[in-house]
Amino acid sequence: MRTEFIPVKWEGDLKPVLEKLDLPKRVGLISNLQFIDHLKELESYLNEKGIETYNGGQVLGCNTTEPLKIDNQVDAYLFLGSGEFHPLEVLEKTKKPVFLVNPETQNITKVTEEDLIKYNKKIIQNARQTDTDFEKALKYCIKNKFNINFSW
């Protein structure tokens, strides 16, 4: 069976959400595929506001290699997109603040360690309730020093 990927790009106005931003002075800009074309617009806007920007490119699944390349240059990351999965992955790898800017909902959320812990607890719960490898999930949490309280 042939698999075909159809790129879907967001088209809309970033201005309303950008006017709400309150960021540190050095920010890494990252996105997923749907919003990547808007990083240049975001960069121009932030540079006009006196914020240094560094292009961290696209986050694809768990692959955060691009944002990690600029990690020593930034104080925080701005993820342009929807959903918390990608920003949580960047937070986990960099331990730096990640601001989720969702152009669709016009919301800005600072993703925190607490959000990461909640997300990983949810993964553990899902693993426990299904036939997935619970032991692997548990070892992952222990290795990454997540403070998780298991109650059966």
N, C-alpha and C. Protein backbone atom coordinates (compact mmCIF):
# COMPACT_ATOMS: atom_id res chain seq x y z
N MET A 1 0.84 -1.18 0.00
CA MET A 1 0.00 0.00 0.00
C MET A 1 0.89 1.24 0.00
N ARG A 2 0.56 2.17 -0.81
CA ARG A 2 1.33 3.41 -0.94
C ARG A 2 0.91 4.41 0.15
N THR A 3 1.90 5.03 0.76
CA THR A 3 1.64 6.07 1.76
C THR A 3 1.96 7.42 1.14
N GLU A 4 1.05 8.34 1.30
CA GLU A 4 1.27 9.67 0.77
C GLU A 4 1.12 10.69 1.89
N PHE A 5 2.08 11.60 2.00
CA PHE A 5 2.05 12.64 3.01
C PHE A 5 1.61 13.94 2.36
N ILE A 6 0.63 14.57 2.95
CA ILE A 6 0.12 15.82 2.42
C ILE A 6 0.43 16.92 3.42
N PRO A 7 1.34 17.84 3.07
CA PRO A 7 1.67 18.91 4.01
C PRO A 7 0.49 19.88 4.17
N VAL A 8 0.21 20.19 5.41
CA VAL A 8 -0.86 21.14 5.71
C VAL A 8 -0.23 22.30 6.46
N LYS A 9 -0.35 23.47 5.90
CA LYS A 9 0.24 24.67 6.49
C LYS A 9 -0.86 25.56 7.05
N TRP A 10 -0.57 26.19 8.18
CA TRP A 10 -1.52 27.11 8.79
C TRP A 10 -1.44 28.45 8.07
N GLU A 11 -2.59 29.02 7.81
CA GLU A 11 -2.66 30.35 7.23
C GLU A 11 -3.51 31.20 8.15
N GLY A 12 -2.92 32.26 8.64
CA GLY A 12 -3.65 33.11 9.56
C GLY A 12 -2.79 34.29 9.98
N ASP A 13 -3.30 35.06 10.90
CA ASP A 13 -2.64 36.28 11.37
C ASP A 13 -2.00 36.04 12.73
N LEU A 14 -0.70 36.20 12.80
CA LEU A 14 0.02 36.02 14.06
C LEU A 14 -0.05 37.25 14.97
N LYS A 15 -0.30 38.41 14.40
CA LYS A 15 -0.23 39.67 15.16
C LYS A 15 -0.96 39.64 16.50
N PRO A 16 -2.22 39.21 16.56
CA PRO A 16 -2.93 39.27 17.85
C PRO A 16 -2.24 38.50 18.97
N VAL A 17 -1.69 37.33 18.66
CA VAL A 17 -1.04 36.55 19.71
C VAL A 17 0.35 37.11 20.02
N LEU A 18 1.03 37.64 19.03
CA LEU A 18 2.38 38.18 19.25
C LEU A 18 2.37 39.38 20.19
N GLU A 19 1.32 40.14 20.14
CA GLU A 19 1.23 41.33 20.99
C GLU A 19 1.14 40.98 22.48
N LYS A 20 0.83 39.73 22.80
CA LYS A 20 0.70 39.28 24.18
C LYS A 20 2.02 38.77 24.77
N LEU A 21 3.06 38.65 23.95
CA LEU A 21 4.30 38.00 24.39
C LEU A 21 5.09 38.82 25.39
N ASP A 22 5.63 38.14 26.39
CA ASP A 22 6.56 38.72 27.36
C ASP A 22 7.68 37.70 27.52
N LEU A 23 8.80 37.94 26.86
CA LEU A 23 9.87 36.94 26.76
C LEU A 23 11.19 37.46 27.31
N PRO A 24 12.11 36.53 27.63
CA PRO A 24 13.47 36.95 27.97
C PRO A 24 14.17 37.53 26.74
N LYS A 25 15.37 38.00 26.91
CA LYS A 25 16.08 38.72 25.84
C LYS A 25 16.65 37.83 24.74
N ARG A 26 16.89 36.55 25.03
CA ARG A 26 17.47 35.64 24.02
C ARG A 26 16.58 34.41 23.90
N VAL A 27 15.94 34.25 22.73
CA VAL A 27 14.93 33.21 22.57
C VAL A 27 15.23 32.37 21.33
N GLY A 28 15.09 31.06 21.50
CA GLY A 28 15.19 30.13 20.38
C GLY A 28 13.81 29.90 19.80
N LEU A 29 13.68 30.05 18.50
CA LEU A 29 12.40 29.88 17.83
C LEU A 29 12.32 28.48 17.23
N ILE A 30 11.26 27.75 17.59
CA ILE A 30 11.06 26.40 17.10
C ILE A 30 9.61 26.21 16.71
N SER A 31 9.35 25.21 15.89
CA SER A 31 7.99 24.98 15.43
C SER A 31 7.86 23.56 14.91
N ASN A 32 6.62 23.19 14.60
CA ASN A 32 6.40 21.97 13.86
C ASN A 32 6.08 22.36 12.41
N LEU A 33 5.87 21.39 11.58
CA LEU A 33 5.75 21.62 10.15
C LEU A 33 4.63 22.60 9.78
N GLN A 34 3.49 22.51 10.46
CA GLN A 34 2.33 23.33 10.09
C GLN A 34 2.60 24.83 10.24
N PHE A 35 3.51 25.22 11.12
CA PHE A 35 3.72 26.63 11.42
C PHE A 35 5.13 27.13 11.06
N ILE A 36 5.97 26.25 10.56
CA ILE A 36 7.39 26.58 10.34
C ILE A 36 7.57 27.79 9.42
N ASP A 37 6.67 27.96 8.47
CA ASP A 37 6.79 29.07 7.53
C ASP A 37 6.59 30.43 8.20
N HIS A 38 6.10 30.46 9.42
CA HIS A 38 5.84 31.71 10.12
C HIS A 38 6.98 32.12 11.05
N LEU A 39 8.04 31.31 11.13
CA LEU A 39 9.15 31.65 12.03
C LEU A 39 9.85 32.95 11.62
N LYS A 40 9.97 33.21 10.33
CA LYS A 40 10.62 34.45 9.87
C LYS A 40 9.82 35.68 10.31
N GLU A 41 8.50 35.59 10.18
CA GLU A 41 7.63 36.69 10.63
C GLU A 41 7.78 36.90 12.13
N LEU A 42 7.82 35.81 12.86
CA LEU A 42 7.99 35.87 14.31
C LEU A 42 9.35 36.46 14.67
N GLU A 43 10.37 36.03 13.96
CA GLU A 43 11.73 36.55 14.19
C GLU A 43 11.79 38.06 13.97
N SER A 44 11.22 38.53 12.88
CA SER A 44 11.22 39.97 12.58
C SER A 44 10.50 40.75 13.67
N TYR A 45 9.35 40.26 14.08
CA TYR A 45 8.57 40.95 15.10
C TYR A 45 9.35 41.05 16.41
N LEU A 46 9.95 39.94 16.84
CA LEU A 46 10.68 39.93 18.11
C LEU A 46 11.95 40.78 18.04
N ASN A 47 12.64 40.75 16.90
CA ASN A 47 13.84 41.58 16.74
C ASN A 47 13.50 43.06 16.83
N GLU A 48 12.36 43.45 16.28
CA GLU A 48 11.91 44.84 16.39
C GLU A 48 11.64 45.23 17.84
N LYS A 49 11.28 44.24 18.67
CA LYS A 49 11.00 44.49 20.09
C LYS A 49 12.26 44.39 20.94
N GLY A 50 13.42 44.19 20.30
CA GLY A 50 14.68 44.13 21.03
C GLY A 50 15.05 42.76 21.57
N ILE A 51 14.38 41.73 21.10
CA ILE A 51 14.67 40.37 21.56
C ILE A 51 15.56 39.67 20.54
N GLU A 52 16.68 39.12 21.02
CA GLU A 52 17.58 38.34 20.16
C GLU A 52 16.92 37.00 19.88
N THR A 53 16.89 36.62 18.62
CA THR A 53 16.28 35.34 18.28
C THR A 53 17.29 34.44 17.57
N TYR A 54 17.13 33.16 17.81
CA TYR A 54 17.96 32.14 17.17
C TYR A 54 17.01 31.09 16.63
N ASN A 55 17.20 30.73 15.37
CA ASN A 55 16.29 29.79 14.72
C ASN A 55 16.67 28.36 15.08
N GLY A 56 15.82 27.72 15.86
CA GLY A 56 16.03 26.33 16.25
C GLY A 56 15.35 25.35 15.32
N GLY A 57 14.62 25.87 14.33
CA GLY A 57 14.03 25.03 13.30
C GLY A 57 12.85 24.19 13.75
N GLN A 58 12.74 23.06 13.10
CA GLN A 58 11.58 22.19 13.27
C GLN A 58 11.83 21.11 14.32
N VAL A 59 10.82 20.88 15.15
CA VAL A 59 10.82 19.75 16.06
C VAL A 59 9.91 18.71 15.42
N LEU A 60 10.45 17.53 15.23
CA LEU A 60 9.69 16.47 14.57
C LEU A 60 9.63 15.27 15.50
N GLY A 61 8.46 15.01 16.04
CA GLY A 61 8.31 13.91 16.99
C GLY A 61 9.19 14.16 18.20
N CYS A 62 9.96 13.17 18.58
CA CYS A 62 10.87 13.30 19.73
C CYS A 62 12.22 13.88 19.33
N ASN A 63 12.40 14.21 18.07
CA ASN A 63 13.69 14.68 17.58
C ASN A 63 13.87 16.16 17.89
N THR A 64 14.70 16.45 18.88
CA THR A 64 14.97 17.83 19.27
C THR A 64 16.41 18.24 18.95
N THR A 65 17.02 17.58 17.98
CA THR A 65 18.42 17.89 17.67
C THR A 65 18.62 19.32 17.18
N GLU A 66 17.68 19.85 16.41
CA GLU A 66 17.84 21.22 15.90
C GLU A 66 17.82 22.25 17.04
N PRO A 67 16.81 22.22 17.93
CA PRO A 67 16.83 23.19 19.04
C PRO A 67 18.07 23.04 19.93
N LEU A 68 18.56 21.84 20.10
CA LEU A 68 19.73 21.63 20.96
C LEU A 68 20.98 22.32 20.39
N LYS A 69 21.01 22.53 19.09
CA LYS A 69 22.16 23.18 18.47
C LYS A 69 22.32 24.63 18.90
N ILE A 70 21.23 25.26 19.34
CA ILE A 70 21.30 26.67 19.74
C ILE A 70 21.15 26.83 21.26
N ASP A 71 21.14 25.75 21.98
CA ASP A 71 20.83 25.78 23.41
C ASP A 71 21.74 26.70 24.22
N ASN A 72 23.01 26.76 23.88
CA ASN A 72 23.94 27.61 24.65
C ASN A 72 23.79 29.10 24.33
N GLN A 73 22.97 29.44 23.34
CA GLN A 73 22.78 30.84 22.94
C GLN A 73 21.48 31.44 23.49
N VAL A 74 20.59 30.62 24.04
CA VAL A 74 19.26 31.12 24.40
C VAL A 74 18.96 30.94 25.89
N ASP A 75 18.04 31.79 26.36
CA ASP A 75 17.56 31.70 27.74
C ASP A 75 16.25 30.92 27.82
N ALA A 76 15.54 30.85 26.70
CA ALA A 76 14.25 30.17 26.64
C ALA A 76 13.95 29.83 25.19
N TYR A 77 12.90 29.05 25.01
CA TYR A 77 12.43 28.69 23.66
C TYR A 77 11.00 29.16 23.48
N LEU A 78 10.68 29.50 22.25
CA LEU A 78 9.31 29.82 21.88
C LEU A 78 8.90 28.79 20.83
N PHE A 79 7.92 27.99 21.16
CA PHE A 79 7.40 26.99 20.23
C PHE A 79 6.15 27.55 19.58
N LEU A 80 6.16 27.69 18.28
CA LEU A 80 5.01 28.15 17.52
C LEU A 80 4.29 26.93 16.99
N GLY A 81 3.12 26.66 17.59
CA GLY A 81 2.38 25.48 17.17
C GLY A 81 1.25 25.18 18.13
N SER A 82 0.71 24.00 18.00
CA SER A 82 -0.38 23.58 18.88
C SER A 82 0.02 22.27 19.56
N GLY A 83 -0.51 22.04 20.73
CA GLY A 83 -0.20 20.82 21.46
C GLY A 83 1.05 20.97 22.31
N GLU A 84 1.09 20.20 23.39
CA GLU A 84 2.20 20.32 24.34
C GLU A 84 3.32 19.30 24.13
N PHE A 85 3.11 18.30 23.30
CA PHE A 85 4.10 17.23 23.17
C PHE A 85 5.48 17.76 22.79
N HIS A 86 5.57 18.54 21.73
CA HIS A 86 6.88 19.04 21.28
C HIS A 86 7.52 19.98 22.29
N PRO A 87 6.78 20.96 22.83
CA PRO A 87 7.40 21.83 23.85
C PRO A 87 7.86 21.05 25.08
N LEU A 88 7.11 20.03 25.48
CA LEU A 88 7.53 19.22 26.63
C LEU A 88 8.83 18.48 26.34
N GLU A 89 8.96 18.00 25.14
CA GLU A 89 10.19 17.30 24.75
C GLU A 89 11.39 18.24 24.79
N VAL A 90 11.20 19.47 24.32
CA VAL A 90 12.29 20.46 24.36
C VAL A 90 12.62 20.83 25.80
N LEU A 91 11.60 21.02 26.62
CA LEU A 91 11.82 21.32 28.05
C LEU A 91 12.60 20.19 28.72
N GLU A 92 12.21 18.97 28.42
CA GLU A 92 12.90 17.83 29.04
C GLU A 92 14.37 17.77 28.65
N LYS A 93 14.66 18.04 27.39
CA LYS A 93 16.05 17.94 26.91
C LYS A 93 16.91 19.13 27.31
N THR A 94 16.33 20.33 27.39
CA THR A 94 17.13 21.53 27.61
C THR A 94 17.06 22.08 29.03
N LYS A 95 15.97 21.76 29.75
CA LYS A 95 15.73 22.28 31.10
C LYS A 95 15.58 23.81 31.09
N LYS A 96 15.20 24.36 29.95
CA LYS A 96 14.98 25.80 29.84
C LYS A 96 13.49 26.07 29.62
N PRO A 97 13.02 27.26 30.00
CA PRO A 97 11.60 27.58 29.80
C PRO A 97 11.21 27.47 28.32
N VAL A 98 10.01 26.97 28.10
CA VAL A 98 9.46 26.87 26.76
C VAL A 98 8.09 27.54 26.76
N PHE A 99 7.93 28.51 25.87
CA PHE A 99 6.65 29.19 25.72
C PHE A 99 5.94 28.62 24.50
N LEU A 100 4.75 28.09 24.72
CA LEU A 100 3.93 27.54 23.65
C LEU A 100 3.02 28.65 23.15
N VAL A 101 3.22 29.05 21.91
CA VAL A 101 2.40 30.08 21.29
C VAL A 101 1.52 29.37 20.25
N ASN A 102 0.24 29.31 20.55
CA ASN A 102 -0.70 28.62 19.68
C ASN A 102 -1.46 29.65 18.83
N PRO A 103 -1.11 29.76 17.55
CA PRO A 103 -1.76 30.75 16.69
C PRO A 103 -3.25 30.47 16.47
N GLU A 104 -3.63 29.20 16.55
CA GLU A 104 -5.03 28.85 16.31
C GLU A 104 -5.94 29.33 17.43
N THR A 105 -5.51 29.16 18.67
CA THR A 105 -6.33 29.55 19.82
C THR A 105 -5.96 30.93 20.34
N GLN A 106 -4.84 31.47 19.85
CA GLN A 106 -4.31 32.77 20.29
C GLN A 106 -3.89 32.73 21.77
N ASN A 107 -3.52 31.55 22.26
CA ASN A 107 -3.07 31.38 23.64
C ASN A 107 -1.56 31.26 23.72
N ILE A 108 -1.02 31.73 24.84
CA ILE A 108 0.39 31.57 25.15
C ILE A 108 0.47 30.86 26.49
N THR A 109 1.24 29.79 26.54
CA THR A 109 1.39 29.00 27.76
C THR A 109 2.86 28.78 28.03
N LYS A 110 3.28 28.99 29.27
CA LYS A 110 4.64 28.64 29.65
C LYS A 110 4.60 27.19 30.12
N VAL A 111 5.30 26.32 29.41
CA VAL A 111 5.34 24.90 29.75
C VAL A 111 6.34 24.73 30.89
N THR A 112 5.93 24.01 31.94
CA THR A 112 6.74 23.91 33.15
C THR A 112 7.16 22.47 33.45
N GLU A 113 8.08 22.34 34.40
CA GLU A 113 8.48 21.01 34.88
C GLU A 113 7.27 20.24 35.40
N GLU A 114 6.36 20.95 36.06
CA GLU A 114 5.15 20.31 36.58
C GLU A 114 4.32 19.71 35.44
N ASP A 115 4.23 20.42 34.32
CA ASP A 115 3.52 19.89 33.15
C ASP A 115 4.21 18.63 32.63
N LEU A 116 5.54 18.65 32.64
CA LEU A 116 6.31 17.49 32.19
C LEU A 116 6.08 16.30 33.10
N ILE A 117 6.06 16.52 34.40
CA ILE A 117 5.82 15.43 35.35
C ILE A 117 4.41 14.87 35.15
N LYS A 118 3.42 15.75 34.99
CA LYS A 118 2.04 15.30 34.76
C LYS A 118 1.95 14.46 33.48
N TYR A 119 2.62 14.92 32.44
CA TYR A 119 2.61 14.21 31.16
C TYR A 119 3.22 12.82 31.32
N ASN A 120 4.34 12.75 32.01
CA ASN A 120 4.99 11.46 32.20
C ASN A 120 4.17 10.54 33.11
N LYS A 121 3.48 11.09 34.08
CA LYS A 121 2.58 10.28 34.91
C LYS A 121 1.47 9.68 34.05
N LYS A 122 0.98 10.49 33.12
CA LYS A 122 -0.08 10.01 32.24
C LYS A 122 0.43 8.86 31.36
N ILE A 123 1.68 8.98 30.90
CA ILE A 123 2.27 7.90 30.12
C ILE A 123 2.35 6.62 30.95
N ILE A 124 2.78 6.76 32.20
CA ILE A 124 2.87 5.61 33.10
C ILE A 124 1.49 4.98 33.30
N GLN A 125 0.49 5.82 33.54
CA GLN A 125 -0.88 5.31 33.74
C GLN A 125 -1.38 4.58 32.50
N ASN A 126 -1.14 5.17 31.34
CA ASN A 126 -1.56 4.51 30.10
C ASN A 126 -0.83 3.18 29.90
N ALA A 127 0.45 3.16 30.22
CA ALA A 127 1.22 1.93 30.09
C ALA A 127 0.68 0.87 31.05
N ARG A 128 0.31 1.28 32.24
CA ARG A 128 -0.21 0.34 33.23
C ARG A 128 -1.56 -0.23 32.80
N GLN A 129 -2.35 0.56 32.11
CA GLN A 129 -3.69 0.13 31.72
C GLN A 129 -3.73 -0.63 30.40
N THR A 130 -2.61 -0.72 29.72
CA THR A 130 -2.58 -1.42 28.44
C THR A 130 -1.52 -2.51 28.49
N ASP A 131 -1.32 -3.15 27.37
CA ASP A 131 -0.33 -4.23 27.31
C ASP A 131 1.04 -3.73 26.87
N THR A 132 1.30 -2.42 26.97
CA THR A 132 2.61 -1.91 26.60
C THR A 132 3.62 -2.26 27.68
N ASP A 133 4.85 -2.00 27.42
CA ASP A 133 5.93 -2.39 28.30
C ASP A 133 6.03 -1.44 29.49
N PHE A 134 5.33 -1.76 30.56
CA PHE A 134 5.30 -0.91 31.75
C PHE A 134 6.69 -0.80 32.37
N GLU A 135 7.43 -1.89 32.39
CA GLU A 135 8.76 -1.87 32.99
C GLU A 135 9.67 -0.86 32.26
N LYS A 136 9.56 -0.80 30.94
CA LYS A 136 10.36 0.16 30.16
C LYS A 136 10.00 1.60 30.54
N ALA A 137 8.71 1.88 30.68
CA ALA A 137 8.27 3.22 31.06
C ALA A 137 8.76 3.56 32.46
N LEU A 138 8.70 2.62 33.37
CA LEU A 138 9.16 2.85 34.73
C LEU A 138 10.66 3.15 34.76
N LYS A 139 11.44 2.35 34.04
CA LYS A 139 12.88 2.58 33.98
C LYS A 139 13.20 3.96 33.39
N TYR A 140 12.43 4.37 32.39
CA TYR A 140 12.61 5.69 31.79
C TYR A 140 12.43 6.78 32.84
N CYS A 141 11.38 6.67 33.63
CA CYS A 141 11.10 7.69 34.65
C CYS A 141 12.17 7.70 35.73
N ILE A 142 12.63 6.54 36.12
CA ILE A 142 13.68 6.46 37.15
C ILE A 142 14.97 7.06 36.60
N LYS A 143 15.32 6.69 35.37
CA LYS A 143 16.55 7.19 34.74
C LYS A 143 16.52 8.72 34.65
N ASN A 144 15.36 9.28 34.36
CA ASN A 144 15.25 10.73 34.19
C ASN A 144 14.84 11.44 35.47
N LYS A 145 14.86 10.70 36.58
CA LYS A 145 14.65 11.25 37.92
C LYS A 145 13.30 11.95 38.08
N PHE A 146 12.25 11.35 37.52
CA PHE A 146 10.92 11.89 37.73
C PHE A 146 10.41 11.42 39.08
N ASN A 147 9.89 12.33 39.85
CA ASN A 147 9.35 12.01 41.16
C ASN A 147 7.89 11.58 40.99
N ILE A 148 7.69 10.30 40.78
CA ILE A 148 6.36 9.79 40.52
C ILE A 148 5.93 8.88 41.65
N ASN A 149 4.72 9.12 42.15
CA ASN A 149 4.16 8.33 43.26
C ASN A 149 3.24 7.29 42.66
N PHE A 150 3.64 6.03 42.72
CA PHE A 150 2.82 4.96 42.18
C PHE A 150 1.87 4.46 43.25
N SER A 151 0.59 4.40 42.92
CA SER A 151 -0.37 3.81 43.84
C SER A 151 -1.26 2.87 43.04
N TRP A 152 -1.25 1.65 43.40
CA TRP A 152 -2.04 0.65 42.65
C TRP A 152 -3.36 0.43 43.33
